[in-house]
Amino acid sequence: MTFVLFSFIAIFILIASAGMLMFYREAMLQRLTQVVTPRKEKRWSGFFKRDHASASIKAVIEPFEKVLPKSPKEVSVVEQRLIRAGLRDESAIRLLYGAKALTPIVLCVAVVASGIGNFMGYLMALAIGYLAPDFWLGRRIKKRQMEIRLGLPDFLDLMVVCIEAGLSLDYAVDRAAKELNSSQPEICDEFGLVILEQRAGRARVDAWRNLADRVDIDVIRTLTSSVIQADQFGTSISKTLRIYSETLRTQRRQRVEELAAKTAVKLVFPLVLCIFPTLFIIALGPAMLAMMDTFKKFLG
């Protein structure tokens, strides 16, 4: 009788535990769904709002694109600059020319609204409005190149780890681009294009040379030459990449030391022109005034 009672209690506890586990699991899933789903909806709604806003901006700017005359050679140069800035959309060049036509008009309206309605004001507004998109594009290119330059050593280190783990060069580039996409999106984007070109049937040498031409910075050109030579002569690619990564870090440290050494020379001009005259006035000013009063008394 005691054994039957204990068996009944044990079975009851097991059934109750299973029911509670299922209940809490369902409740947990509902809570997770309530927490995760609004974020996704919010994220996608924000994405559609941004997409709608960008479409509205394009609808406003693109009609002005045909106002400015342009030659095919100029268009090819502008397209190359846009690619270096990371703007590969087909409408990017139309937006740029539209901005170069619309910005001077906006600045002229601002000049009229401000009350500076002279010829020089309109001339400056037209010049600044026409050149402002080019300046913005140049700053974007320099910023992207600097981020690629700073992120290249980390990318090469991860490539070395992947190659030494047994991956080939192409798979190492692909894996490094996927792993560092959140921290180094610019350089991962460029190397992702290299992988896509190779998958499309282009030779590795041509894909890496296109990378050097597309980015147009010295560190990428040197890396491309090193990889091509290592591939052609059969040398160790991992050793080449490790040495080049250490060289890049050494060059960065030397660059910082050079800038620090130039600081003392650059401080001479503010000291001589701004700080020293003020110190002389404070230190010698009262004495000079006292001497002037003394000379006035003696000289009558």
C-alpha atoms as a PDB file:
ATOM      1  CA  MET A   1       0.000   0.000   0.000  1.00  0.00           C
ATOM      2  CA  THR A   2       2.827   2.383   0.835  1.00  0.00           C
ATOM      3  CA  PHE A   3       4.546   1.608  -2.472  1.00  0.00           C
ATOM      4  CA  VAL A   4       1.345   2.350  -4.415  1.00  0.00           C
ATOM      5  CA  LEU A   5       0.927   5.661  -2.579  1.00  0.00           C
ATOM      6  CA  PHE A   6       4.491   6.747  -3.296  1.00  0.00           C
ATOM      7  CA  SER A   7       4.103   5.725  -6.942  1.00  0.00           C
ATOM      8  CA  PHE A   8       0.899   7.766  -7.259  1.00  0.00           C
ATOM      9  CA  ILE A   9       2.573  10.816  -5.673  1.00  0.00           C
ATOM     10  CA  ALA A  10       5.621  10.483  -7.938  1.00  0.00           C
ATOM     11  CA  ILE A  11       3.484  10.184 -11.082  1.00  0.00           C
ATOM     12  CA  PHE A  12       1.372  13.172  -9.994  1.00  0.00           C
ATOM     13  CA  ILE A  13       4.507  15.268  -9.405  1.00  0.00           C
ATOM     14  CA  LEU A  14       5.898  14.316 -12.820  1.00  0.00           C
ATOM     15  CA  ILE A  15       2.649  15.169 -14.607  1.00  0.00           C
ATOM     16  CA  ALA A  16       2.331  18.463 -12.712  1.00  0.00           C
ATOM     17  CA  SER A  17       5.963  19.353 -13.485  1.00  0.00           C
ATOM     18  CA  ALA A  18       5.453  18.588 -17.167  1.00  0.00           C
ATOM     19  CA  GLY A  19       2.290  20.715 -17.261  1.00  0.00           C
ATOM     20  CA  MET A  20       3.962  23.603 -15.507  1.00  0.00           C
ATOM     21  CA  LEU A  21       6.976  23.319 -17.820  1.00  0.00           C
ATOM     22  CA  MET A  22       4.770  23.425 -20.899  1.00  0.00           C
ATOM     23  CA  PHE A  23       2.788  26.334 -19.476  1.00  0.00           C
ATOM     24  CA  TYR A  24       5.858  28.363 -18.617  1.00  0.00           C
ATOM     25  CA  ARG A  25       7.447  27.524 -21.975  1.00  0.00           C
ATOM     26  CA  GLU A  26       4.378  28.782 -23.812  1.00  0.00           C
ATOM     27  CA  ALA A  27       4.290  31.899 -21.637  1.00  0.00           C
ATOM     28  CA  MET A  28       8.005  32.445 -22.230  1.00  0.00           C
ATOM     29  CA  LEU A  29       7.527  32.118 -25.996  1.00  0.00           C
ATOM     30  CA  GLN A  30       4.685  34.631 -25.885  1.00  0.00           C
ATOM     31  CA  ARG A  31       6.834  37.088 -23.911  1.00  0.00           C
ATOM     32  CA  LEU A  32       9.733  36.655 -26.309  1.00  0.00           C
ATOM     33  CA  THR A  33       7.401  37.166 -29.251  1.00  0.00           C
ATOM     34  CA  GLN A  34       5.976  40.327 -27.710  1.00  0.00           C
ATOM     35  CA  VAL A  35       9.486  41.634 -27.059  1.00  0.00           C
ATOM     36  CA  VAL A  36      11.039  40.731 -30.405  1.00  0.00           C
ATOM     37  CA  THR A  37       8.179  41.428 -32.815  1.00  0.00           C
ATOM     38  CA  PRO A  38       7.711  45.148 -32.039  1.00  0.00           C
ATOM     39  CA  ARG A  39      11.430  45.727 -32.550  1.00  0.00           C
ATOM     40  CA  LYS A  40      11.297  44.079 -35.927  1.00  0.00           C
ATOM     41  CA  GLU A  41       8.210  46.013 -36.899  1.00  0.00           C
ATOM     42  CA  LYS A  42       9.784  49.213 -35.662  1.00  0.00           C
ATOM     43  CA  ARG A  43      12.996  48.497 -37.489  1.00  0.00           C
ATOM     44  CA  TRP A  44      11.266  47.672 -40.750  1.00  0.00           C
ATOM     45  CA  SER A  45       8.887  50.583 -40.394  1.00  0.00           C
ATOM     46  CA  GLY A  46      11.879  52.873 -39.888  1.00  0.00           C
ATOM     47  CA  PHE A  47      13.509  51.303 -42.915  1.00  0.00           C
ATOM     48  CA  PHE A  48      10.452  51.958 -45.061  1.00  0.00           C
ATOM     49  CA  LYS A  49      10.237  55.501 -43.733  1.00  0.00           C
ATOM     50  CA  ARG A  50      13.878  56.128 -44.619  1.00  0.00           C
ATOM     51  CA  ASP A  51      13.341  54.540 -48.012  1.00  0.00           C
ATOM     52  CA  HIS A  52      10.303  56.740 -48.561  1.00  0.00           C
ATOM     53  CA  ALA A  53      12.246  59.838 -47.473  1.00  0.00           C
ATOM     54  CA  SER A  54      15.148  59.014 -49.798  1.00  0.00           C
ATOM     55  CA  ALA A  55      12.692  58.420 -52.638  1.00  0.00           C
ATOM     56  CA  SER A  56      11.150  61.836 -51.959  1.00  0.00           C
ATOM     57  CA  ILE A  57      14.586  63.491 -52.000  1.00  0.00           C
ATOM     58  CA  LYS A  58      15.397  61.765 -55.271  1.00  0.00           C
ATOM     59  CA  ALA A  59      12.101  62.922 -56.754  1.00  0.00           C
ATOM     60  CA  VAL A  60      12.959  66.521 -55.844  1.00  0.00           C
ATOM     61  CA  ILE A  61      16.627  66.547 -56.927  1.00  0.00           C
ATOM     62  CA  GLU A  62      16.707  64.327 -60.019  1.00  0.00           C
ATOM     63  CA  PRO A  63      14.662  66.691 -62.298  1.00  0.00           C
ATOM     64  CA  PHE A  64      17.476  69.249 -61.979  1.00  0.00           C
ATOM     65  CA  GLU A  65      20.062  66.743 -63.199  1.00  0.00           C
ATOM     66  CA  LYS A  66      19.562  67.611 -66.878  1.00  0.00           C
ATOM     67  CA  VAL A  67      20.128  71.328 -66.320  1.00  0.00           C
ATOM     68  CA  LEU A  68      23.934  71.126 -66.270  1.00  0.00           C
ATOM     69  CA  PRO A  69      25.804  70.166 -69.457  1.00  0.00           C
ATOM     70  CA  LYS A  70      28.255  67.301 -69.066  1.00  0.00           C
ATOM     71  CA  SER A  71      30.593  65.339 -71.289  1.00  0.00           C
ATOM     72  CA  PRO A  72      31.060  61.541 -71.237  1.00  0.00           C
ATOM     73  CA  LYS A  73      34.628  61.974 -69.954  1.00  0.00           C
ATOM     74  CA  GLU A  74      33.432  64.116 -67.061  1.00  0.00           C
ATOM     75  CA  VAL A  75      30.679  61.618 -66.272  1.00  0.00           C
ATOM     76  CA  SER A  76      33.196  58.751 -66.145  1.00  0.00           C
ATOM     77  CA  VAL A  77      35.435  60.704 -63.747  1.00  0.00           C
ATOM     78  CA  VAL A  78      32.472  61.533 -61.511  1.00  0.00           C
ATOM     79  CA  GLU A  79      31.343  57.908 -61.532  1.00  0.00           C
ATOM     80  CA  GLN A  80      34.819  56.818 -60.445  1.00  0.00           C
ATOM     81  CA  ARG A  81      34.776  59.328 -57.577  1.00  0.00           C
ATOM     82  CA  LEU A  82      31.334  58.135 -56.507  1.00  0.00           C
ATOM     83  CA  ILE A  83      32.551  54.535 -56.482  1.00  0.00           C
ATOM     84  CA  ARG A  84      35.511  55.545 -54.307  1.00  0.00           C
ATOM     85  CA  ALA A  85      33.062  57.201 -51.939  1.00  0.00           C
ATOM     86  CA  GLY A  86      31.041  53.980 -51.723  1.00  0.00           C
ATOM     87  CA  LEU A  87      28.065  55.317 -53.710  1.00  0.00           C
ATOM     88  CA  ARG A  88      27.469  52.652 -56.346  1.00  0.00           C
ATOM     89  CA  ASP A  89      23.783  53.216 -56.985  1.00  0.00           C
ATOM     90  CA  GLU A  90      22.829  54.145 -60.533  1.00  0.00           C
ATOM     91  CA  SER A  91      20.982  57.241 -59.360  1.00  0.00           C
ATOM     92  CA  ALA A  92      23.990  58.616 -57.430  1.00  0.00           C
ATOM     93  CA  ILE A  93      25.391  60.542 -60.391  1.00  0.00           C
ATOM     94  CA  ARG A  94      21.962  62.002 -61.182  1.00  0.00           C
ATOM     95  CA  LEU A  95      21.570  63.076 -57.565  1.00  0.00           C
ATOM     96  CA  LEU A  96      25.011  64.707 -57.599  1.00  0.00           C
ATOM     97  CA  TYR A  97      24.324  66.740 -60.734  1.00  0.00           C
ATOM     98  CA  GLY A  98      20.871  67.572 -59.458  1.00  0.00           C
ATOM     99  CA  ALA A  99      22.363  68.819 -56.193  1.00  0.00           C
ATOM    100  CA  LYS A 100      24.903  70.930 -58.104  1.00  0.00           C
ATOM    101  CA  ALA A 101      22.018  72.565 -59.958  1.00  0.00           C
ATOM    102  CA  LEU A 102      19.613  72.897 -57.026  1.00  0.00           C
ATOM    103  CA  THR A 103      22.020  74.077 -54.295  1.00  0.00           C
ATOM    104  CA  PRO A 104      22.920  77.403 -56.009  1.00  0.00           C
ATOM    105  CA  ILE A 105      19.210  78.177 -56.401  1.00  0.00           C
ATOM    106  CA  VAL A 106      18.582  77.482 -52.715  1.00  0.00           C
ATOM    107  CA  LEU A 107      21.528  79.661 -51.680  1.00  0.00           C
ATOM    108  CA  CYS A 108      20.354  82.501 -53.941  1.00  0.00           C
ATOM    109  CA  VAL A 109      16.918  82.321 -52.310  1.00  0.00           C
ATOM    110  CA  ALA A 110      18.647  82.445 -48.921  1.00  0.00           C
ATOM    111  CA  VAL A 111      20.616  85.523 -50.034  1.00  0.00           C
ATOM    112  CA  VAL A 112      17.403  87.242 -51.112  1.00  0.00           C
ATOM    113  CA  ALA A 113      15.708  86.306 -47.830  1.00  0.00           C
ATOM    114  CA  SER A 114      18.640  87.641 -45.808  1.00  0.00           C
ATOM    115  CA  GLY A 115      18.530  91.022 -47.536  1.00  0.00           C
ATOM    116  CA  ILE A 116      22.028  90.813 -49.075  1.00  0.00           C
ATOM    117  CA  GLY A 117      20.791  91.379 -52.603  1.00  0.00           C
ATOM    118  CA  ASN A 118      23.976  92.599 -54.279  1.00  0.00           C
ATOM    119  CA  PHE A 119      25.930  91.134 -57.182  1.00  0.00           C
ATOM    120  CA  MET A 120      28.742  89.704 -55.022  1.00  0.00           C
ATOM    121  CA  GLY A 121      26.256  87.925 -52.784  1.00  0.00           C
ATOM    122  CA  TYR A 122      24.607  86.189 -55.735  1.00  0.00           C
ATOM    123  CA  LEU A 123      27.994  85.348 -57.253  1.00  0.00           C
ATOM    124  CA  MET A 124      29.244  83.803 -54.010  1.00  0.00           C
ATOM    125  CA  ALA A 125      25.986  81.867 -53.600  1.00  0.00           C
ATOM    126  CA  LEU A 126      26.253  80.448 -57.122  1.00  0.00           C
ATOM    127  CA  ALA A 127      29.926  79.508 -56.707  1.00  0.00           C
ATOM    128  CA  ILE A 128      29.500  77.922 -53.267  1.00  0.00           C
ATOM    129  CA  GLY A 129      26.345  76.101 -54.317  1.00  0.00           C
ATOM    130  CA  TYR A 130      27.988  74.654 -57.409  1.00  0.00           C
ATOM    131  CA  LEU A 131      31.173  73.548 -55.616  1.00  0.00           C
ATOM    132  CA  ALA A 132      29.598  72.371 -52.331  1.00  0.00           C
ATOM    133  CA  PRO A 133      28.551  68.880 -53.626  1.00  0.00           C
ATOM    134  CA  ASP A 134      32.086  68.308 -54.958  1.00  0.00           C
ATOM    135  CA  PHE A 135      33.595  69.305 -51.602  1.00  0.00           C
ATOM    136  CA  TRP A 136      31.181  66.987 -49.800  1.00  0.00           C
ATOM    137  CA  LEU A 137      32.064  64.132 -52.153  1.00  0.00           C
ATOM    138  CA  GLY A 138      35.788  64.751 -51.665  1.00  0.00           C
ATOM    139  CA  ARG A 139      35.441  64.703 -47.874  1.00  0.00           C
ATOM    140  CA  ARG A 140      33.443  61.471 -48.065  1.00  0.00           C
ATOM    141  CA  ILE A 141      36.142  59.875 -50.216  1.00  0.00           C
ATOM    142  CA  LYS A 142      38.904  60.899 -47.795  1.00  0.00           C
ATOM    143  CA  LYS A 143      36.917  59.659 -44.807  1.00  0.00           C
ATOM    144  CA  ARG A 144      36.279  56.299 -46.453  1.00  0.00           C
ATOM    145  CA  GLN A 145      39.920  55.931 -47.479  1.00  0.00           C
ATOM    146  CA  MET A 146      41.064  56.743 -43.954  1.00  0.00           C
ATOM    147  CA  GLU A 147      38.705  54.156 -42.460  1.00  0.00           C
ATOM    148  CA  ILE A 148      39.974  51.548 -44.928  1.00  0.00           C
ATOM    149  CA  ARG A 149      43.560  52.457 -44.077  1.00  0.00           C
ATOM    150  CA  LEU A 150      42.928  52.127 -40.334  1.00  0.00           C
ATOM    151  CA  GLY A 151      40.965  48.886 -40.596  1.00  0.00           C
ATOM    152  CA  LEU A 152      43.330  47.066 -42.958  1.00  0.00           C
ATOM    153  CA  PRO A 153      45.721  45.648 -40.272  1.00  0.00           C
ATOM    154  CA  ASP A 154      42.859  44.016 -38.345  1.00  0.00           C
ATOM    155  CA  PHE A 155      41.461  42.592 -41.570  1.00  0.00           C
ATOM    156  CA  LEU A 156      44.851  41.144 -42.522  1.00  0.00           C
ATOM    157  CA  ASP A 157      45.301  39.608 -39.065  1.00  0.00           C
ATOM    158  CA  LEU A 158      41.999  37.793 -39.362  1.00  0.00           C
ATOM    159  CA  MET A 159      42.932  36.647 -42.861  1.00  0.00           C
ATOM    160  CA  VAL A 160      46.202  35.228 -41.495  1.00  0.00           C
ATOM    161  CA  VAL A 161      44.297  33.312 -38.809  1.00  0.00           C
ATOM    162  CA  CYS A 162      41.895  31.891 -41.417  1.00  0.00           C
ATOM    163  CA  ILE A 163      44.690  30.894 -43.814  1.00  0.00           C
ATOM    164  CA  GLU A 164      46.705  29.225 -41.064  1.00  0.00           C
ATOM    165  CA  ALA A 165      43.551  27.369 -40.027  1.00  0.00           C
ATOM    166  CA  GLY A 166      43.459  25.737 -43.467  1.00  0.00           C
ATOM    167  CA  LEU A 167      41.311  28.047 -45.605  1.00  0.00           C
ATOM    168  CA  SER A 168      42.361  29.226 -49.030  1.00  0.00           C
ATOM    169  CA  LEU A 169      42.970  32.877 -49.819  1.00  0.00           C
ATOM    170  CA  ASP A 170      39.519  33.432 -51.344  1.00  0.00           C
ATOM    171  CA  TYR A 171      37.667  31.741 -48.485  1.00  0.00           C
ATOM    172  CA  ALA A 172      39.816  33.632 -45.968  1.00  0.00           C
ATOM    173  CA  VAL A 173      38.858  36.948 -47.573  1.00  0.00           C
ATOM    174  CA  ASP A 174      35.204  35.950 -47.589  1.00  0.00           C
ATOM    175  CA  ARG A 175      35.245  34.826 -43.946  1.00  0.00           C
ATOM    176  CA  ALA A 176      37.135  37.923 -42.769  1.00  0.00           C
ATOM    177  CA  ALA A 177      34.689  40.178 -44.642  1.00  0.00           C
ATOM    178  CA  LYS A 178      31.731  38.483 -42.950  1.00  0.00           C
ATOM    179  CA  GLU A 179      33.263  38.538 -39.460  1.00  0.00           C
ATOM    180  CA  LEU A 180      34.344  42.209 -39.536  1.00  0.00           C
ATOM    181  CA  ASN A 181      31.327  43.572 -41.369  1.00  0.00           C
ATOM    182  CA  SER A 182      29.937  45.286 -38.270  1.00  0.00           C
ATOM    183  CA  SER A 183      33.197  46.895 -37.114  1.00  0.00           C
ATOM    184  CA  GLN A 184      34.860  47.620 -40.484  1.00  0.00           C
ATOM    185  CA  PRO A 185      32.033  47.922 -43.036  1.00  0.00           C
ATOM    186  CA  GLU A 186      34.014  49.927 -45.612  1.00  0.00           C
ATOM    187  CA  ILE A 187      36.903  47.536 -46.081  1.00  0.00           C
ATOM    188  CA  CYS A 188      34.591  44.527 -45.866  1.00  0.00           C
ATOM    189  CA  ASP A 189      32.450  46.051 -48.611  1.00  0.00           C
ATOM    190  CA  GLU A 190      35.458  46.421 -50.907  1.00  0.00           C
ATOM    191  CA  PHE A 191      36.751  42.904 -50.307  1.00  0.00           C
ATOM    192  CA  GLY A 192      33.215  41.576 -50.684  1.00  0.00           C
ATOM    193  CA  LEU A 193      33.226  43.007 -54.205  1.00  0.00           C
ATOM    194  CA  VAL A 194      36.478  41.152 -54.862  1.00  0.00           C
ATOM    195  CA  ILE A 195      34.811  37.879 -53.885  1.00  0.00           C
ATOM    196  CA  LEU A 196      31.764  38.652 -56.034  1.00  0.00           C
ATOM    197  CA  GLU A 197      33.939  39.405 -59.050  1.00  0.00           C
ATOM    198  CA  GLN A 198      35.782  36.119 -58.633  1.00  0.00           C
ATOM    199  CA  ARG A 199      32.510  34.214 -58.305  1.00  0.00           C
ATOM    200  CA  ALA A 200      31.327  35.884 -61.500  1.00  0.00           C
ATOM    201  CA  GLY A 201      34.298  34.373 -63.343  1.00  0.00           C
ATOM    202  CA  ARG A 202      36.928  37.097 -63.190  1.00  0.00           C
ATOM    203  CA  ALA A 203      40.505  36.059 -62.480  1.00  0.00           C
ATOM    204  CA  ARG A 204      41.932  36.656 -59.021  1.00  0.00           C
ATOM    205  CA  VAL A 205      44.647  38.968 -60.341  1.00  0.00           C
ATOM    206  CA  ASP A 206      42.135  41.147 -62.193  1.00  0.00           C
ATOM    207  CA  ALA A 207      39.797  41.277 -59.183  1.00  0.00           C
ATOM    208  CA  TRP A 208      42.576  42.441 -56.861  1.00  0.00           C
ATOM    209  CA  ARG A 209      43.806  45.007 -59.389  1.00  0.00           C
ATOM    210  CA  ASN A 210      40.275  46.355 -59.685  1.00  0.00           C
ATOM    211  CA  LEU A 211      40.266  46.667 -55.893  1.00  0.00           C
ATOM    212  CA  ALA A 212      43.429  48.798 -56.015  1.00  0.00           C
ATOM    213  CA  ASP A 213      42.001  51.017 -58.765  1.00  0.00           C
ATOM    214  CA  ARG A 214      38.657  51.336 -57.021  1.00  0.00           C
ATOM    215  CA  VAL A 215      39.997  52.308 -53.594  1.00  0.00           C
ATOM    216  CA  ASP A 216      43.026  54.297 -54.859  1.00  0.00           C
ATOM    217  CA  ILE A 217      45.194  54.345 -51.723  1.00  0.00           C
ATOM    218  CA  ASP A 218      48.814  53.312 -51.454  1.00  0.00           C
ATOM    219  CA  VAL A 219      48.359  50.611 -48.785  1.00  0.00           C
ATOM    220  CA  ILE A 220      45.829  48.711 -50.911  1.00  0.00           C
ATOM    221  CA  ARG A 221      48.040  48.990 -54.001  1.00  0.00           C
ATOM    222  CA  THR A 222      50.997  47.602 -52.065  1.00  0.00           C
ATOM    223  CA  LEU A 223      48.837  44.807 -50.631  1.00  0.00           C
ATOM    224  CA  THR A 224      47.564  43.938 -54.116  1.00  0.00           C
ATOM    225  CA  SER A 225      51.086  43.769 -55.502  1.00  0.00           C
ATOM    226  CA  SER A 226      52.222  41.581 -52.587  1.00  0.00           C
ATOM    227  CA  VAL A 227      49.309  39.160 -52.951  1.00  0.00           C
ATOM    228  CA  ILE A 228      49.736  38.894 -56.727  1.00  0.00           C
ATOM    229  CA  GLN A 229      53.471  38.244 -56.391  1.00  0.00           C
ATOM    230  CA  ALA A 230      52.929  35.670 -53.647  1.00  0.00           C
ATOM    231  CA  ASP A 231      50.315  33.950 -55.802  1.00  0.00           C
ATOM    232  CA  GLN A 232      52.508  33.910 -58.893  1.00  0.00           C
ATOM    233  CA  PHE A 233      55.757  32.824 -57.233  1.00  0.00           C
ATOM    234  CA  GLY A 234      54.181  30.367 -54.802  1.00  0.00           C
ATOM    235  CA  THR A 235      55.423  31.968 -51.591  1.00  0.00           C
ATOM    236  CA  SER A 236      53.567  31.821 -48.277  1.00  0.00           C
ATOM    237  CA  ILE A 237      50.606  34.192 -48.396  1.00  0.00           C
ATOM    238  CA  SER A 238      50.046  34.045 -44.636  1.00  0.00           C
ATOM    239  CA  LYS A 239      53.645  35.089 -43.971  1.00  0.00           C
ATOM    240  CA  THR A 240      53.334  37.904 -46.520  1.00  0.00           C
ATOM    241  CA  LEU A 241      50.130  39.184 -44.945  1.00  0.00           C
ATOM    242  CA  ARG A 242      51.541  38.993 -41.413  1.00  0.00           C
ATOM    243  CA  ILE A 243      54.663  40.950 -42.362  1.00  0.00           C
ATOM    244  CA  TYR A 244      52.611  43.559 -44.190  1.00  0.00           C
ATOM    245  CA  SER A 245      50.216  43.930 -41.249  1.00  0.00           C
ATOM    246  CA  GLU A 246      53.137  44.507 -38.878  1.00  0.00           C
ATOM    247  CA  THR A 247      54.578  47.005 -41.360  1.00  0.00           C
ATOM    248  CA  LEU A 248      51.299  48.924 -41.447  1.00  0.00           C
ATOM    249  CA  ARG A 249      51.171  49.138 -37.652  1.00  0.00           C
ATOM    250  CA  THR A 250      54.793  50.294 -37.563  1.00  0.00           C
ATOM    251  CA  GLN A 251      54.050  52.964 -40.155  1.00  0.00           C
ATOM    252  CA  ARG A 252      51.036  54.127 -38.159  1.00  0.00           C
ATOM    253  CA  ARG A 253      53.117  54.420 -35.002  1.00  0.00           C
ATOM    254  CA  GLN A 254      55.842  56.303 -36.865  1.00  0.00           C
ATOM    255  CA  ARG A 255      53.224  58.615 -38.325  1.00  0.00           C
ATOM    256  CA  VAL A 256      51.903  59.432 -34.854  1.00  0.00           C
ATOM    257  CA  GLU A 257      55.433  60.039 -33.577  1.00  0.00           C
ATOM    258  CA  GLU A 258      56.087  62.333 -36.533  1.00  0.00           C
ATOM    259  CA  LEU A 259      52.954  64.354 -35.830  1.00  0.00           C
ATOM    260  CA  ALA A 260      53.920  64.589 -32.159  1.00  0.00           C
ATOM    261  CA  ALA A 261      57.384  65.855 -33.105  1.00  0.00           C
ATOM    262  CA  LYS A 262      55.879  68.503 -35.386  1.00  0.00           C
ATOM    263  CA  THR A 263      53.708  69.819 -32.568  1.00  0.00           C
ATOM    264  CA  ALA A 264      56.572  71.730 -30.921  1.00  0.00           C
ATOM    265  CA  VAL A 265      57.421  73.480 -34.195  1.00  0.00           C
ATOM    266  CA  LYS A 266      53.772  74.328 -34.897  1.00  0.00           C
ATOM    267  CA  LEU A 267      53.396  75.857 -31.426  1.00  0.00           C
ATOM    268  CA  VAL A 268      56.153  78.403 -32.098  1.00  0.00           C
ATOM    269  CA  PHE A 269      53.969  80.666 -34.229  1.00  0.00           C
ATOM    270  CA  PRO A 270      51.042  80.936 -31.745  1.00  0.00           C
ATOM    271  CA  LEU A 271      53.515  81.508 -28.932  1.00  0.00           C
ATOM    272  CA  VAL A 272      55.421  84.256 -30.742  1.00  0.00           C
ATOM    273  CA  LEU A 273      52.414  85.992 -32.279  1.00  0.00           C
ATOM    274  CA  CYS A 274      49.753  85.617 -29.563  1.00  0.00           C
ATOM    275  CA  ILE A 275      51.052  84.512 -26.165  1.00  0.00           C
ATOM    276  CA  PHE A 276      54.446  86.235 -25.858  1.00  0.00           C
ATOM    277  CA  PRO A 277      53.142  89.740 -26.747  1.00  0.00           C
ATOM    278  CA  THR A 278      50.428  89.370 -24.109  1.00  0.00           C
ATOM    279  CA  LEU A 279      53.002  88.299 -21.501  1.00  0.00           C
ATOM    280  CA  PHE A 280      55.239  91.234 -22.405  1.00  0.00           C
ATOM    281  CA  ILE A 281      52.328  93.664 -22.042  1.00  0.00           C
ATOM    282  CA  ILE A 282      51.341  92.222 -18.665  1.00  0.00           C
ATOM    283  CA  ALA A 283      54.900  92.034 -17.327  1.00  0.00           C
ATOM    284  CA  LEU A 284      56.390  95.241 -18.759  1.00  0.00           C
ATOM    285  CA  GLY A 285      53.267  97.391 -19.125  1.00  0.00           C
ATOM    286  CA  PRO A 286      53.151  98.767 -15.533  1.00  0.00           C
ATOM    287  CA  ALA A 287      56.910  99.373 -15.547  1.00  0.00           C
ATOM    288  CA  MET A 288      56.685 101.260 -18.853  1.00  0.00           C
ATOM    289  CA  LEU A 289      53.826 103.418 -17.544  1.00  0.00           C
ATOM    290  CA  ALA A 290      55.758 104.183 -14.380  1.00  0.00           C
ATOM    291  CA  MET A 291      58.856 105.121 -16.431  1.00  0.00           C
ATOM    292  CA  MET A 292      56.749 107.367 -18.662  1.00  0.00           C
ATOM    293  CA  ASP A 293      55.329 109.185 -15.620  1.00  0.00           C
ATOM    294  CA  THR A 294      58.836 109.598 -14.197  1.00  0.00           C
ATOM    295  CA  PHE A 295      60.209 111.044 -17.423  1.00  0.00           C
ATOM    296  CA  LYS A 296      57.271 113.447 -17.617  1.00  0.00           C
ATOM    297  CA  LYS A 297      58.047 114.762 -14.141  1.00  0.00           C
ATOM    298  CA  PHE A 298      61.756 115.240 -14.848  1.00  0.00           C
ATOM    299  CA  LEU A 299      61.249 116.736 -18.278  1.00  0.00           C
ATOM    300  CA  GLY A 300      58.619 119.168 -17.048  1.00  0.00           C
END
